Amino acid sequence: MTDSQHHNTDELTTDDSQTNRNGSTPADTTQADTAQQRTPQQELLERLGTTLSPDMLVMALTHRSFAHEHEGAPDYERLEFLGDAVLEFVSTETLYRTHPDMNEGELAKMRAMAVSEQSLSQIAREKLQVGPYILLGRGEAESGGAEKSSILCDIVESLIGATFIEHGIDEARKVVHHLIDDELTKVATEGPALDWKTSLTVKAHGMGLEDPHYRMSVSGPEYAQVFTAHAVVGNDNEVLGIGTGSSKRKAQLAAAQAAWNELNDHPERHRATKHQHHKDAAASQQ
């Protein structure tokens, strides 16, 4: 276990009998000072929007690699399994109630995007800032496990599962809404709520970029052709997404989705490209 993991374990399991982060014991701390101090555990739970017992929180943050190195330590996999079901139920119910005009296929696509690994890992990084608290085995920690999207996604689900176990469905529903309501709103106006090509065009226009277009290629025998599409977006004609499929349309939709995700994840990068384009154009006219 790395030094940072020892530190995280101590922070997560600190109670009134242990030493504070400043080195003093509770007996040395005035009541006023105690009221002003918040432990990392409390700060994490505030970002989650609920409370959990110390033991439950530690379990929800314990990766199997850590459990394998520490005999008897429980990992989060069962909580993740439960949390995944709770998350799917609450997100499905919300989309069903808020979009009565959409069919089952459209709702399924919206749900898939709202609770995708990409969406949940972003929530873990930005809203929960949970990476430093994940308990990992030595090898997993050294390979950057605390930043792996798959692990971050699992942690969000395990925390939801832990909330359900300790507080029931109403509190778990509240936590799910706190975490993903922004995503549910976003997918209703972008991405799978629209055709991916249409959605990419809307996204590009919103960033002041030119219409996307697609460069196509095809490979394989005539009876099993594979189409490849390159989605070209931006004023510098940059390829932002590549997709393959058994038809031209499927390949273009896959490429459009990849390009949409790139613009959505890194808007500042492509706005900068746009501004540089205008700067270069102005310079050439002087």
C-alpha atoms as a PDB file:
ATOM      1  CA  MET A   1       0.000   0.000   0.000  1.00  0.00           C
ATOM      2  CA  THR A   2       1.381   3.386  -0.951  1.00  0.00           C
ATOM      3  CA  ASP A   3       1.902   6.195   1.563  1.00  0.00           C
ATOM      4  CA  SER A   4      -1.126   8.012   0.157  1.00  0.00           C
ATOM      5  CA  GLN A   5      -3.278   4.919   0.626  1.00  0.00           C
ATOM      6  CA  HIS A   6      -2.183   4.591   4.266  1.00  0.00           C
ATOM      7  CA  HIS A   7      -3.132   8.234   4.679  1.00  0.00           C
ATOM      8  CA  ASN A   8      -6.529   7.739   3.036  1.00  0.00           C
ATOM      9  CA  THR A   9      -7.316   4.687   5.159  1.00  0.00           C
ATOM     10  CA  ASP A  10      -6.506   6.602   8.329  1.00  0.00           C
ATOM     11  CA  GLU A  11      -8.663   9.542   7.250  1.00  0.00           C
ATOM     12  CA  LEU A  12     -11.632   7.354   6.410  1.00  0.00           C
ATOM     13  CA  THR A  13     -11.545   5.442   9.686  1.00  0.00           C
ATOM     14  CA  THR A  14     -10.762   8.331  12.031  1.00  0.00           C
ATOM     15  CA  ASP A  15     -12.999   8.467  15.122  1.00  0.00           C
ATOM     16  CA  ASP A  16     -12.996  10.411  18.387  1.00  0.00           C
ATOM     17  CA  SER A  17     -10.278   8.212  19.903  1.00  0.00           C
ATOM     18  CA  GLN A  18      -7.776   8.983  17.163  1.00  0.00           C
ATOM     19  CA  THR A  19      -5.482  11.855  16.394  1.00  0.00           C
ATOM     20  CA  ASN A  20      -6.725  14.730  14.244  1.00  0.00           C
ATOM     21  CA  ARG A  21      -5.013  15.724  10.994  1.00  0.00           C
ATOM     22  CA  ASN A  22      -3.241  18.585  12.817  1.00  0.00           C
ATOM     23  CA  GLY A  23      -1.620  16.130  15.265  1.00  0.00           C
ATOM     24  CA  SER A  24      -3.703  16.989  18.323  1.00  0.00           C
ATOM     25  CA  THR A  25      -6.112  14.675  20.112  1.00  0.00           C
ATOM     26  CA  PRO A  26      -9.789  15.579  20.613  1.00  0.00           C
ATOM     27  CA  ALA A  27      -8.981  16.424  24.227  1.00  0.00           C
ATOM     28  CA  ASP A  28      -6.624  19.144  22.993  1.00  0.00           C
ATOM     29  CA  THR A  29      -9.201  20.636  20.655  1.00  0.00           C
ATOM     30  CA  THR A  30     -11.752  23.154  21.819  1.00  0.00           C
ATOM     31  CA  GLN A  31     -15.404  22.671  21.033  1.00  0.00           C
ATOM     32  CA  ALA A  32     -15.338  25.730  18.787  1.00  0.00           C
ATOM     33  CA  ASP A  33     -12.362  24.388  16.819  1.00  0.00           C
ATOM     34  CA  THR A  34     -14.072  21.011  16.420  1.00  0.00           C
ATOM     35  CA  ALA A  35     -17.185  22.684  15.026  1.00  0.00           C
ATOM     36  CA  GLN A  36     -15.087  24.450  12.399  1.00  0.00           C
ATOM     37  CA  GLN A  37     -13.172  21.351  11.277  1.00  0.00           C
ATOM     38  CA  ARG A  38     -14.494  18.796   8.836  1.00  0.00           C
ATOM     39  CA  THR A  39     -12.843  15.480   8.165  1.00  0.00           C
ATOM     40  CA  PRO A  40     -12.203  14.346   4.586  1.00  0.00           C
ATOM     41  CA  GLN A  41     -14.878  11.711   5.236  1.00  0.00           C
ATOM     42  CA  GLN A  42     -17.453  14.393   6.037  1.00  0.00           C
ATOM     43  CA  GLU A  43     -16.464  16.470   3.022  1.00  0.00           C
ATOM     44  CA  LEU A  44     -16.873  13.487   0.702  1.00  0.00           C
ATOM     45  CA  LEU A  45     -20.285  12.634   2.164  1.00  0.00           C
ATOM     46  CA  GLU A  46     -21.401  16.245   1.797  1.00  0.00           C
ATOM     47  CA  ARG A  47     -20.534  16.068  -1.885  1.00  0.00           C
ATOM     48  CA  LEU A  48     -22.461  12.791  -2.100  1.00  0.00           C
ATOM     49  CA  GLY A  49     -25.443  14.387  -0.377  1.00  0.00           C
ATOM     50  CA  THR A  50     -26.044  11.831   2.368  1.00  0.00           C
ATOM     51  CA  THR A  51     -24.504  10.161   5.415  1.00  0.00           C
ATOM     52  CA  LEU A  52     -22.909   6.723   5.729  1.00  0.00           C
ATOM     53  CA  SER A  53     -21.405   4.888   8.656  1.00  0.00           C
ATOM     54  CA  PRO A  54     -17.584   4.781   8.616  1.00  0.00           C
ATOM     55  CA  ASP A  55     -17.515   1.026   7.994  1.00  0.00           C
ATOM     56  CA  MET A  56     -19.983   1.271   5.128  1.00  0.00           C
ATOM     57  CA  LEU A  57     -18.085   4.139   3.527  1.00  0.00           C
ATOM     58  CA  VAL A  58     -14.794   2.255   3.713  1.00  0.00           C
ATOM     59  CA  MET A  59     -16.372  -0.816   2.113  1.00  0.00           C
ATOM     60  CA  ALA A  60     -17.913   1.301  -0.657  1.00  0.00           C
ATOM     61  CA  LEU A  61     -14.460   2.666  -1.479  1.00  0.00           C
ATOM     62  CA  THR A  62     -12.485  -0.595  -1.282  1.00  0.00           C
ATOM     63  CA  HIS A  63     -11.373  -2.075  -4.602  1.00  0.00           C
ATOM     64  CA  ARG A  64     -10.915  -5.839  -4.800  1.00  0.00           C
ATOM     65  CA  SER A  65      -7.156  -5.389  -5.301  1.00  0.00           C
ATOM     66  CA  PHE A  66      -6.923  -3.818  -1.837  1.00  0.00           C
ATOM     67  CA  ALA A  67      -9.101  -6.542  -0.323  1.00  0.00           C
ATOM     68  CA  HIS A  68      -6.863  -9.233  -1.836  1.00  0.00           C
ATOM     69  CA  GLU A  69      -3.833  -7.691  -0.143  1.00  0.00           C
ATOM     70  CA  HIS A  70      -5.595  -7.253   3.213  1.00  0.00           C
ATOM     71  CA  GLU A  71      -7.226 -10.481   4.330  1.00  0.00           C
ATOM     72  CA  GLY A  72     -10.715  -9.957   5.677  1.00  0.00           C
ATOM     73  CA  ALA A  73     -11.231  -6.542   4.086  1.00  0.00           C
ATOM     74  CA  PRO A  74     -14.560  -6.410   2.219  1.00  0.00           C
ATOM     75  CA  ASP A  75     -14.645  -4.882  -1.253  1.00  0.00           C
ATOM     76  CA  TYR A  76     -17.319  -2.813  -2.981  1.00  0.00           C
ATOM     77  CA  GLU A  77     -18.410  -5.296  -5.654  1.00  0.00           C
ATOM     78  CA  ARG A  78     -21.687  -6.371  -4.030  1.00  0.00           C
ATOM     79  CA  LEU A  79     -22.567  -2.745  -3.280  1.00  0.00           C
ATOM     80  CA  GLU A  80     -21.748  -1.839  -6.876  1.00  0.00           C
ATOM     81  CA  PHE A  81     -24.057  -4.607  -8.124  1.00  0.00           C
ATOM     82  CA  LEU A  82     -26.893  -3.250  -5.995  1.00  0.00           C
ATOM     83  CA  GLY A  83     -26.151   0.384  -6.785  1.00  0.00           C
ATOM     84  CA  ASP A  84     -26.194  -0.311 -10.508  1.00  0.00           C
ATOM     85  CA  ALA A  85     -29.744  -1.664 -10.189  1.00  0.00           C
ATOM     86  CA  VAL A  86     -30.883   1.299  -8.075  1.00  0.00           C
ATOM     87  CA  LEU A  87     -29.316   3.758 -10.513  1.00  0.00           C
ATOM     88  CA  GLU A  88     -30.974   2.099 -13.493  1.00  0.00           C
ATOM     89  CA  PHE A  89     -34.358   2.024 -11.757  1.00  0.00           C
ATOM     90  CA  VAL A  90     -34.306   5.678 -10.669  1.00  0.00           C
ATOM     91  CA  SER A  91     -33.002   6.973 -13.993  1.00  0.00           C
ATOM     92  CA  THR A  92     -35.560   4.874 -15.900  1.00  0.00           C
ATOM     93  CA  GLU A  93     -38.419   6.096 -13.720  1.00  0.00           C
ATOM     94  CA  THR A  94     -37.317   9.714 -14.128  1.00  0.00           C
ATOM     95  CA  LEU A  95     -37.040   9.513 -17.904  1.00  0.00           C
ATOM     96  CA  TYR A  96     -40.375   7.688 -18.132  1.00  0.00           C
ATOM     97  CA  ARG A  97     -42.172  10.380 -16.139  1.00  0.00           C
ATOM     98  CA  THR A  98     -40.503  13.399 -17.723  1.00  0.00           C
ATOM     99  CA  HIS A  99     -40.684  12.300 -21.377  1.00  0.00           C
ATOM    100  CA  PRO A 100     -44.149  10.802 -22.004  1.00  0.00           C
ATOM    101  CA  ASP A 101     -43.787  11.437 -25.738  1.00  0.00           C
ATOM    102  CA  MET A 102     -40.723   9.233 -26.204  1.00  0.00           C
ATOM    103  CA  ASN A 103     -40.802   5.557 -27.098  1.00  0.00           C
ATOM    104  CA  GLU A 104     -38.964   2.734 -25.371  1.00  0.00           C
ATOM    105  CA  GLY A 105     -36.001   2.818 -27.735  1.00  0.00           C
ATOM    106  CA  GLU A 106     -35.443   6.546 -27.291  1.00  0.00           C
ATOM    107  CA  LEU A 107     -35.710   6.279 -23.512  1.00  0.00           C
ATOM    108  CA  ALA A 108     -33.246   3.382 -23.461  1.00  0.00           C
ATOM    109  CA  LYS A 109     -30.689   5.363 -25.468  1.00  0.00           C
ATOM    110  CA  MET A 110     -31.049   8.370 -23.186  1.00  0.00           C
ATOM    111  CA  ARG A 111     -30.652   6.242 -20.070  1.00  0.00           C
ATOM    112  CA  ALA A 112     -27.606   4.493 -21.503  1.00  0.00           C
ATOM    113  CA  MET A 113     -25.865   7.790 -22.071  1.00  0.00           C
ATOM    114  CA  ALA A 114     -26.883   9.368 -18.759  1.00  0.00           C
ATOM    115  CA  VAL A 115     -25.493   6.462 -16.729  1.00  0.00           C
ATOM    116  CA  SER A 116     -22.632   5.502 -19.050  1.00  0.00           C
ATOM    117  CA  GLU A 117     -19.133   4.860 -17.764  1.00  0.00           C
ATOM    118  CA  GLN A 118     -18.072   8.176 -19.253  1.00  0.00           C
ATOM    119  CA  SER A 119     -20.834  10.106 -17.476  1.00  0.00           C
ATOM    120  CA  LEU A 120     -20.409   8.388 -14.106  1.00  0.00           C
ATOM    121  CA  SER A 121     -16.624   8.645 -14.123  1.00  0.00           C
ATOM    122  CA  GLN A 122     -16.911  12.356 -14.841  1.00  0.00           C
ATOM    123  CA  ILE A 123     -19.306  12.695 -11.894  1.00  0.00           C
ATOM    124  CA  ALA A 124     -16.810  10.820  -9.715  1.00  0.00           C
ATOM    125  CA  ARG A 125     -13.960  13.106 -10.767  1.00  0.00           C
ATOM    126  CA  GLU A 126     -15.704  16.467 -10.761  1.00  0.00           C
ATOM    127  CA  LYS A 127     -18.691  16.308  -8.439  1.00  0.00           C
ATOM    128  CA  LEU A 128     -17.474  13.792  -5.861  1.00  0.00           C
ATOM    129  CA  GLN A 129     -13.695  14.208  -6.285  1.00  0.00           C
ATOM    130  CA  VAL A 130     -13.473  10.670  -4.956  1.00  0.00           C
ATOM    131  CA  GLY A 131     -10.228   9.462  -6.544  1.00  0.00           C
ATOM    132  CA  PRO A 132      -7.911  10.132  -3.568  1.00  0.00           C
ATOM    133  CA  TYR A 133     -10.197   8.148  -1.240  1.00  0.00           C
ATOM    134  CA  ILE A 134     -10.346   4.892  -3.218  1.00  0.00           C
ATOM    135  CA  LEU A 135      -8.540   2.040  -1.473  1.00  0.00           C
ATOM    136  CA  LEU A 136      -6.445   0.175  -4.043  1.00  0.00           C
ATOM    137  CA  GLY A 137      -3.871  -2.578  -3.993  1.00  0.00           C
ATOM    138  CA  ARG A 138      -0.270  -1.605  -4.615  1.00  0.00           C
ATOM    139  CA  GLY A 139      -0.188  -2.651  -8.261  1.00  0.00           C
ATOM    140  CA  GLU A 140      -3.523  -1.045  -9.097  1.00  0.00           C
ATOM    141  CA  ALA A 141      -2.513   2.176  -7.371  1.00  0.00           C
ATOM    142  CA  GLU A 142       0.807   2.321  -9.200  1.00  0.00           C
ATOM    143  CA  SER A 143      -0.967   1.854 -12.544  1.00  0.00           C
ATOM    144  CA  GLY A 144      -3.206   4.874 -11.913  1.00  0.00           C
ATOM    145  CA  GLY A 145      -6.297   3.005 -10.768  1.00  0.00           C
ATOM    146  CA  ALA A 146      -7.716   6.031  -8.974  1.00  0.00           C
ATOM    147  CA  GLU A 147      -8.121   7.735 -12.357  1.00  0.00           C
ATOM    148  CA  LYS A 148      -9.461   4.768 -14.329  1.00  0.00           C
ATOM    149  CA  SER A 149     -12.945   5.477 -15.622  1.00  0.00           C
ATOM    150  CA  SER A 150     -14.103   1.913 -14.980  1.00  0.00           C
ATOM    151  CA  ILE A 151     -13.149   2.076 -11.293  1.00  0.00           C
ATOM    152  CA  LEU A 152     -14.579   5.570 -10.821  1.00  0.00           C
ATOM    153  CA  CYS A 153     -17.846   4.430 -12.399  1.00  0.00           C
ATOM    154  CA  ASP A 154     -17.955   1.433 -10.047  1.00  0.00           C
ATOM    155  CA  ILE A 155     -17.396   3.697  -7.034  1.00  0.00           C
ATOM    156  CA  VAL A 156     -20.384   5.891  -7.895  1.00  0.00           C
ATOM    157  CA  GLU A 157     -22.578   2.799  -8.098  1.00  0.00           C
ATOM    158  CA  SER A 158     -21.200   1.334  -4.869  1.00  0.00           C
ATOM    159  CA  LEU A 159     -21.893   4.582  -2.997  1.00  0.00           C
ATOM    160  CA  ILE A 160     -25.475   4.511  -4.282  1.00  0.00           C
ATOM    161  CA  GLY A 161     -25.773   0.889  -3.160  1.00  0.00           C
ATOM    162  CA  ALA A 162     -24.386   1.771   0.268  1.00  0.00           C
ATOM    163  CA  THR A 163     -26.929   4.575   0.587  1.00  0.00           C
ATOM    164  CA  PHE A 164     -29.750   2.171  -0.245  1.00  0.00           C
ATOM    165  CA  ILE A 165     -28.574  -0.371   2.352  1.00  0.00           C
ATOM    166  CA  GLU A 166     -28.311   2.166   5.162  1.00  0.00           C
ATOM    167  CA  HIS A 167     -31.209   4.500   4.341  1.00  0.00           C
ATOM    168  CA  GLY A 168     -33.577   2.831   1.869  1.00  0.00           C
ATOM    169  CA  ILE A 169     -34.902   3.723  -1.553  1.00  0.00           C
ATOM    170  CA  ASP A 170     -36.068   7.280  -0.815  1.00  0.00           C
ATOM    171  CA  GLU A 171     -32.626   8.447   0.279  1.00  0.00           C
ATOM    172  CA  ALA A 172     -30.974   6.494  -2.528  1.00  0.00           C
ATOM    173  CA  ARG A 173     -33.319   8.165  -5.008  1.00  0.00           C
ATOM    174  CA  LYS A 174     -32.353  11.569  -3.603  1.00  0.00           C
ATOM    175  CA  VAL A 175     -28.654  10.780  -4.039  1.00  0.00           C
ATOM    176  CA  VAL A 176     -29.166   9.545  -7.601  1.00  0.00           C
ATOM    177  CA  HIS A 177     -31.005  12.742  -8.513  1.00  0.00           C
ATOM    178  CA  HIS A 178     -28.284  14.814  -6.875  1.00  0.00           C
ATOM    179  CA  LEU A 179     -25.639  13.041  -8.933  1.00  0.00           C
ATOM    180  CA  ILE A 180     -27.202  12.594 -12.372  1.00  0.00           C
ATOM    181  CA  ASP A 181     -30.041  15.083 -12.842  1.00  0.00           C
ATOM    182  CA  ASP A 182     -27.738  17.318 -14.895  1.00  0.00           C
ATOM    183  CA  GLU A 183     -26.932  14.356 -17.138  1.00  0.00           C
ATOM    184  CA  LEU A 184     -30.597  13.451 -17.521  1.00  0.00           C
ATOM    185  CA  THR A 185     -31.353  17.023 -18.560  1.00  0.00           C
ATOM    186  CA  LYS A 186     -28.458  17.093 -21.012  1.00  0.00           C
ATOM    187  CA  VAL A 187     -29.351  13.867 -22.790  1.00  0.00           C
ATOM    188  CA  ALA A 188     -32.900  15.130 -23.298  1.00  0.00           C
ATOM    189  CA  THR A 189     -31.627  17.883 -25.603  1.00  0.00           C
ATOM    190  CA  GLU A 190     -28.464  16.341 -27.023  1.00  0.00           C
ATOM    191  CA  GLY A 191     -27.006  13.001 -27.995  1.00  0.00           C
ATOM    192  CA  PRO A 192     -29.457  10.106 -28.230  1.00  0.00           C
ATOM    193  CA  ALA A 193     -32.484  12.366 -27.898  1.00  0.00           C
ATOM    194  CA  LEU A 194     -31.566  13.272 -31.449  1.00  0.00           C
ATOM    195  CA  ASP A 195     -29.952  11.444 -34.325  1.00  0.00           C
ATOM    196  CA  TRP A 196     -26.206  11.519 -33.520  1.00  0.00           C
ATOM    197  CA  LYS A 197     -25.420  13.340 -36.768  1.00  0.00           C
ATOM    198  CA  THR A 198     -28.027  15.982 -35.996  1.00  0.00           C
ATOM    199  CA  SER A 199     -26.765  16.232 -32.446  1.00  0.00           C
ATOM    200  CA  LEU A 200     -23.195  16.736 -33.655  1.00  0.00           C
ATOM    201  CA  THR A 201     -24.308  19.508 -35.994  1.00  0.00           C
ATOM    202  CA  VAL A 202     -26.166  21.228 -33.147  1.00  0.00           C
ATOM    203  CA  LYS A 203     -23.115  20.904 -30.889  1.00  0.00           C
ATOM    204  CA  ALA A 204     -20.770  22.262 -33.567  1.00  0.00           C
ATOM    205  CA  HIS A 205     -23.019  25.236 -34.327  1.00  0.00           C
ATOM    206  CA  GLY A 206     -23.283  25.992 -30.621  1.00  0.00           C
ATOM    207  CA  MET A 207     -19.486  26.306 -30.524  1.00  0.00           C
ATOM    208  CA  GLY A 208     -19.376  28.474 -33.640  1.00  0.00           C
ATOM    209  CA  LEU A 209     -17.928  25.711 -35.805  1.00  0.00           C
ATOM    210  CA  GLU A 210     -18.724  24.815 -39.394  1.00  0.00           C
ATOM    211  CA  ASP A 211     -21.019  21.952 -40.414  1.00  0.00           C
ATOM    212  CA  PRO A 212     -19.494  18.495 -39.866  1.00  0.00           C
ATOM    213  CA  HIS A 213     -18.855  16.316 -42.888  1.00  0.00           C
ATOM    214  CA  TYR A 214     -17.778  12.705 -43.316  1.00  0.00           C
ATOM    215  CA  ARG A 215     -14.958  11.017 -45.202  1.00  0.00           C
ATOM    216  CA  MET A 216     -15.862   7.457 -46.103  1.00  0.00           C
ATOM    217  CA  SER A 217     -13.930   4.317 -46.925  1.00  0.00           C
ATOM    218  CA  VAL A 218     -15.004   0.714 -47.354  1.00  0.00           C
ATOM    219  CA  SER A 219     -13.147  -2.556 -46.930  1.00  0.00           C
ATOM    220  CA  GLY A 220     -13.845  -6.271 -47.064  1.00  0.00           C
ATOM    221  CA  PRO A 221     -15.610  -8.476 -49.611  1.00  0.00           C
ATOM    222  CA  GLU A 222     -18.874  -7.305 -51.131  1.00  0.00           C
ATOM    223  CA  TYR A 223     -20.923  -9.699 -49.001  1.00  0.00           C
ATOM    224  CA  ALA A 224     -19.322  -8.480 -45.750  1.00  0.00           C
ATOM    225  CA  GLN A 225     -18.323  -4.891 -46.318  1.00  0.00           C
ATOM    226  CA  VAL A 226     -17.142  -2.733 -43.436  1.00  0.00           C
ATOM    227  CA  PHE A 227     -17.686   0.993 -43.793  1.00  0.00           C
ATOM    228  CA  THR A 228     -15.435   3.463 -41.987  1.00  0.00           C
ATOM    229  CA  ALA A 229     -16.425   7.091 -41.462  1.00  0.00           C
ATOM    230  CA  HIS A 230     -14.214   9.965 -40.322  1.00  0.00           C
ATOM    231  CA  ALA A 231     -16.222  12.829 -38.816  1.00  0.00           C
ATOM    232  CA  VAL A 232     -14.533  16.092 -39.782  1.00  0.00           C
ATOM    233  CA  VAL A 233     -15.509  18.976 -37.524  1.00  0.00           C
ATOM    234  CA  GLY A 234     -14.278  22.491 -36.968  1.00  0.00           C
ATOM    235  CA  ASN A 235     -12.855  25.305 -38.978  1.00  0.00           C
ATOM    236  CA  ASP A 236      -9.537  23.469 -39.326  1.00  0.00           C
ATOM    237  CA  ASN A 237     -11.176  20.351 -40.818  1.00  0.00           C
ATOM    238  CA  GLU A 238      -9.977  18.159 -37.967  1.00  0.00           C
ATOM    239  CA  VAL A 239     -11.052  14.522 -37.696  1.00  0.00           C
ATOM    240  CA  LEU A 240     -12.700  14.271 -34.275  1.00  0.00           C
ATOM    241  CA  GLY A 241     -14.401  10.901 -34.539  1.00  0.00           C
ATOM    242  CA  ILE A 242     -14.007   7.604 -36.370  1.00  0.00           C
ATOM    243  CA  GLY A 243     -16.728   4.985 -36.646  1.00  0.00           C
ATOM    244  CA  THR A 244     -17.274   1.680 -38.393  1.00  0.00           C
ATOM    245  CA  GLY A 245     -20.411  -0.206 -39.327  1.00  0.00           C
ATOM    246  CA  SER A 246     -22.073  -2.566 -41.743  1.00  0.00           C
ATOM    247  CA  SER A 247     -23.598   0.382 -43.598  1.00  0.00           C
ATOM    248  CA  LYS A 248     -22.584   3.920 -44.445  1.00  0.00           C
ATOM    249  CA  ARG A 249     -25.205   5.338 -42.095  1.00  0.00           C
ATOM    250  CA  LYS A 250     -24.151   3.172 -39.145  1.00  0.00           C
ATOM    251  CA  ALA A 251     -20.519   4.160 -39.624  1.00  0.00           C
ATOM    252  CA  GLN A 252     -21.413   7.846 -39.814  1.00  0.00           C
ATOM    253  CA  LEU A 253     -23.575   7.656 -36.698  1.00  0.00           C
ATOM    254  CA  ALA A 254     -20.737   5.986 -34.780  1.00  0.00           C
ATOM    255  CA  ALA A 255     -18.269   8.614 -35.983  1.00  0.00           C
ATOM    256  CA  ALA A 256     -20.698  11.399 -35.104  1.00  0.00           C
ATOM    257  CA  GLN A 257     -21.110  10.008 -31.597  1.00  0.00           C
ATOM    258  CA  ALA A 258     -17.339   9.864 -31.103  1.00  0.00           C
ATOM    259  CA  ALA A 259     -16.937  13.425 -32.385  1.00  0.00           C
ATOM    260  CA  TRP A 260     -19.805  14.673 -30.208  1.00  0.00           C
ATOM    261  CA  ASN A 261     -18.146  13.138 -27.155  1.00  0.00           C
ATOM    262  CA  GLU A 262     -14.844  14.805 -28.043  1.00  0.00           C
ATOM    263  CA  LEU A 263     -16.476  18.238 -28.350  1.00  0.00           C
ATOM    264  CA  ASN A 264     -18.460  17.662 -25.178  1.00  0.00           C
ATOM    265  CA  ASP A 265     -15.426  16.538 -23.156  1.00  0.00           C
ATOM    266  CA  HIS A 266     -12.943  19.116 -24.471  1.00  0.00           C
ATOM    267  CA  PRO A 267     -14.872  22.220 -25.604  1.00  0.00           C
ATOM    268  CA  GLU A 268     -12.034  24.590 -24.709  1.00  0.00           C
ATOM    269  CA  ARG A 269      -9.642  22.734 -27.011  1.00  0.00           C
ATOM    270  CA  HIS A 270     -11.838  23.172 -30.038  1.00  0.00           C
ATOM    271  CA  ARG A 271     -12.962  26.691 -29.270  1.00  0.00           C
ATOM    272  CA  ALA A 272      -9.280  27.595 -29.121  1.00  0.00           C
ATOM    273  CA  THR A 273      -8.846  26.063 -32.561  1.00  0.00           C
ATOM    274  CA  LYS A 274     -11.706  28.192 -33.839  1.00  0.00           C
ATOM    275  CA  HIS A 275     -10.290  31.390 -32.391  1.00  0.00           C
ATOM    276  CA  GLN A 276      -6.849  30.612 -33.822  1.00  0.00           C
ATOM    277  CA  HIS A 277      -8.446  30.087 -37.222  1.00  0.00           C
ATOM    278  CA  HIS A 278     -10.003  33.554 -37.160  1.00  0.00           C
ATOM    279  CA  LYS A 279      -6.726  35.037 -35.922  1.00  0.00           C
ATOM    280  CA  ASP A 280      -4.807  33.441 -38.786  1.00  0.00           C
ATOM    281  CA  ALA A 281      -7.428  34.585 -41.298  1.00  0.00           C
ATOM    282  CA  ALA A 282      -7.229  38.155 -40.051  1.00  0.00           C
ATOM    283  CA  ALA A 283      -3.429  38.088 -40.195  1.00  0.00           C
ATOM    284  CA  SER A 284      -3.468  36.882 -43.805  1.00  0.00           C
ATOM    285  CA  GLN A 285      -5.625  39.851 -44.824  1.00  0.00           C
ATOM    286  CA  GLN A 286      -3.173  42.423 -43.445  1.00  0.00           C
END
